[in-house]
Amino acid sequence: METQRILMRSLAVVVFASVIWTITESAGDIKLINCCKVVSRLTREQFTDPIIGFRLLKQELPCVKAVVFKTERGEFCFDWRQPWVQEEVKKLLAQRNKSLTSTPPPASSISKLTPVGGSSQSTDKS
């Protein structure tokens, strides 16, 4: 009888812990936008979040063509035709290209003294 009560308490604790874990796990997930049915027409002055990335979405009905800006608060759909949106995309592309070209190429692990034929023995028979 005592063992059964201990098992029931243990089971209750495990169920409670798993429910809490599931709730906190799903609350931390950031959902990516894969379809914009409407786009924001806010100006840059109205949209003050720092933009840390972007994606372009094609028009595939019912979704519209849009630029999705990534911020720390989440992702937001914007009209790709707005001049400020196009400027932000250009800035982000320039930053991305700059970071790609500013990385030095990896150093070669092949020594200048390594023979080309793979043989390290001299073939000179003089």
Protein backbone atom coordinates (compact mmCIF):
# COMPACT_ATOMS: atom_id res chain seq x y z
CA MET A 1 0.00 0.00 0.00
CA GLU A 2 2.84 2.40 0.90
CA THR A 3 4.75 1.45 -2.26
CA GLN A 4 1.71 2.13 -4.40
CA ARG A 5 1.31 5.60 -2.86
CA ILE A 6 4.98 6.41 -3.51
CA LEU A 7 4.66 5.27 -7.12
CA MET A 8 1.56 7.42 -7.65
CA ARG A 9 3.34 10.49 -6.22
CA SER A 10 6.37 9.84 -8.40
CA LEU A 11 4.19 9.48 -11.47
CA ALA A 12 2.38 12.72 -10.64
CA VAL A 13 5.70 14.57 -10.29
CA VAL A 14 6.95 13.20 -13.62
CA VAL A 15 3.74 14.18 -15.44
CA PHE A 16 3.77 17.65 -13.88
CA ALA A 17 7.44 18.18 -14.80
CA SER A 18 6.90 17.04 -18.38
CA VAL A 19 3.93 19.40 -18.82
CA ILE A 20 5.95 22.34 -17.50
CA TRP A 21 8.91 21.41 -19.75
CA THR A 22 6.65 21.19 -22.82
CA ILE A 23 5.04 24.56 -22.12
CA THR A 24 8.34 26.37 -21.60
CA GLU A 25 9.93 24.66 -24.61
CA SER A 26 7.17 25.75 -26.98
CA ALA A 27 7.07 29.28 -25.56
CA GLY A 28 10.72 29.80 -26.49
CA ASP A 29 10.27 28.79 -30.12
CA ILE A 30 10.34 31.62 -32.64
CA LYS A 31 8.04 30.84 -35.50
CA LEU A 32 9.40 31.69 -38.93
CA ILE A 33 7.05 33.42 -41.31
CA ASN A 34 6.66 31.42 -44.50
CA CYS A 35 3.63 33.30 -45.86
CA CYS A 36 2.69 36.98 -45.77
CA LYS A 37 -0.98 37.50 -46.55
CA VAL A 38 -0.74 41.20 -45.73
CA VAL A 39 2.26 43.51 -45.57
CA SER A 40 3.00 46.50 -43.40
CA ARG A 41 3.24 49.92 -44.97
CA LEU A 42 4.91 51.53 -41.96
CA THR A 43 7.63 54.05 -42.67
CA ARG A 44 11.16 53.51 -41.36
CA GLU A 45 10.51 56.20 -38.78
CA GLN A 46 7.48 54.27 -37.54
CA PHE A 47 9.27 50.91 -37.53
CA THR A 48 12.06 51.48 -35.03
CA ASP A 49 13.23 47.91 -34.33
CA PRO A 50 16.84 47.23 -35.31
CA ILE A 51 16.82 44.94 -38.36
CA ILE A 52 19.22 42.01 -38.04
CA GLY A 53 18.32 40.05 -41.17
CA PHE A 54 15.85 39.61 -43.99
CA ARG A 55 14.29 37.12 -46.36
CA LEU A 56 12.41 37.60 -49.62
CA LEU A 57 9.14 35.77 -50.09
CA LYS A 58 7.66 35.10 -53.52
CA GLN A 59 4.01 35.55 -54.35
CA GLU A 60 2.23 32.23 -54.10
CA LEU A 61 -1.47 32.82 -53.55
CA PRO A 62 -2.80 33.50 -50.97
CA CYS A 63 0.66 34.81 -49.99
CA VAL A 64 1.91 38.11 -51.39
CA LYS A 65 5.42 39.08 -52.44
CA ALA A 66 7.14 40.57 -49.39
CA VAL A 67 10.35 41.32 -47.55
CA VAL A 68 10.46 39.71 -44.12
CA PHE A 69 12.68 41.67 -41.75
CA LYS A 70 14.08 39.77 -38.78
CA THR A 71 14.37 41.65 -35.50
CA GLU A 72 14.93 40.59 -31.91
CA ARG A 73 11.14 40.74 -31.39
CA GLY A 74 10.43 38.45 -34.33
CA GLU A 75 9.76 38.67 -38.06
CA PHE A 76 7.66 41.28 -39.84
CA CYS A 77 6.30 41.40 -43.41
CA PHE A 78 6.80 44.60 -45.41
CA ASP A 79 5.82 45.76 -48.87
CA TRP A 80 8.85 45.16 -51.08
CA ARG A 81 7.99 48.21 -53.23
CA GLN A 82 8.55 50.75 -50.46
CA PRO A 83 11.77 52.70 -51.10
CA TRP A 84 13.00 52.43 -47.49
CA VAL A 85 12.50 48.65 -47.55
CA GLN A 86 14.59 48.40 -50.73
CA GLU A 87 17.30 50.58 -49.14
CA GLU A 88 17.42 48.39 -46.01
CA VAL A 89 17.75 45.28 -48.18
CA LYS A 90 20.64 46.91 -50.10
CA LYS A 91 22.37 47.82 -46.81
CA LEU A 92 21.97 44.31 -45.43
CA LEU A 93 23.26 42.77 -48.68
CA ALA A 94 26.28 45.11 -48.63
CA GLN A 95 27.01 44.12 -45.02
CA ARG A 96 26.67 40.44 -45.90
CA ASN A 97 28.96 40.79 -48.93
CA LYS A 98 31.50 42.80 -46.94
CA SER A 99 31.66 40.14 -44.23
CA LEU A 100 32.08 37.42 -46.89
CA THR A 101 34.92 39.21 -48.69
CA SER A 102 36.70 40.48 -45.59
CA THR A 103 37.46 36.96 -44.36
CA PRO A 104 41.00 35.96 -45.34
CA PRO A 105 41.37 32.70 -47.26
CA PRO A 106 42.50 29.74 -45.18
CA ALA A 107 46.22 29.13 -45.02
CA SER A 108 47.43 26.26 -47.14
CA SER A 109 48.66 23.21 -45.30
CA ILE A 110 50.86 22.27 -48.25
CA SER A 111 54.45 23.32 -47.85
CA LYS A 112 56.33 24.95 -50.70
CA LEU A 113 58.89 22.17 -50.28
CA THR A 114 56.39 19.36 -50.85
CA PRO A 115 57.18 17.69 -54.19
CA VAL A 116 54.46 17.75 -56.78
CA GLY A 117 54.64 14.06 -57.76
CA GLY A 118 54.04 12.87 -54.22
CA SER A 119 57.49 11.31 -54.00
CA SER A 120 59.93 12.76 -51.53
CA GLN A 121 62.91 10.85 -52.89
CA SER A 122 65.29 12.50 -55.28
CA THR A 123 65.23 11.18 -58.84
CA ASP A 124 68.50 12.83 -59.81
CA LYS A 125 70.95 10.08 -60.91
CA SER A 126 74.01 12.19 -61.68
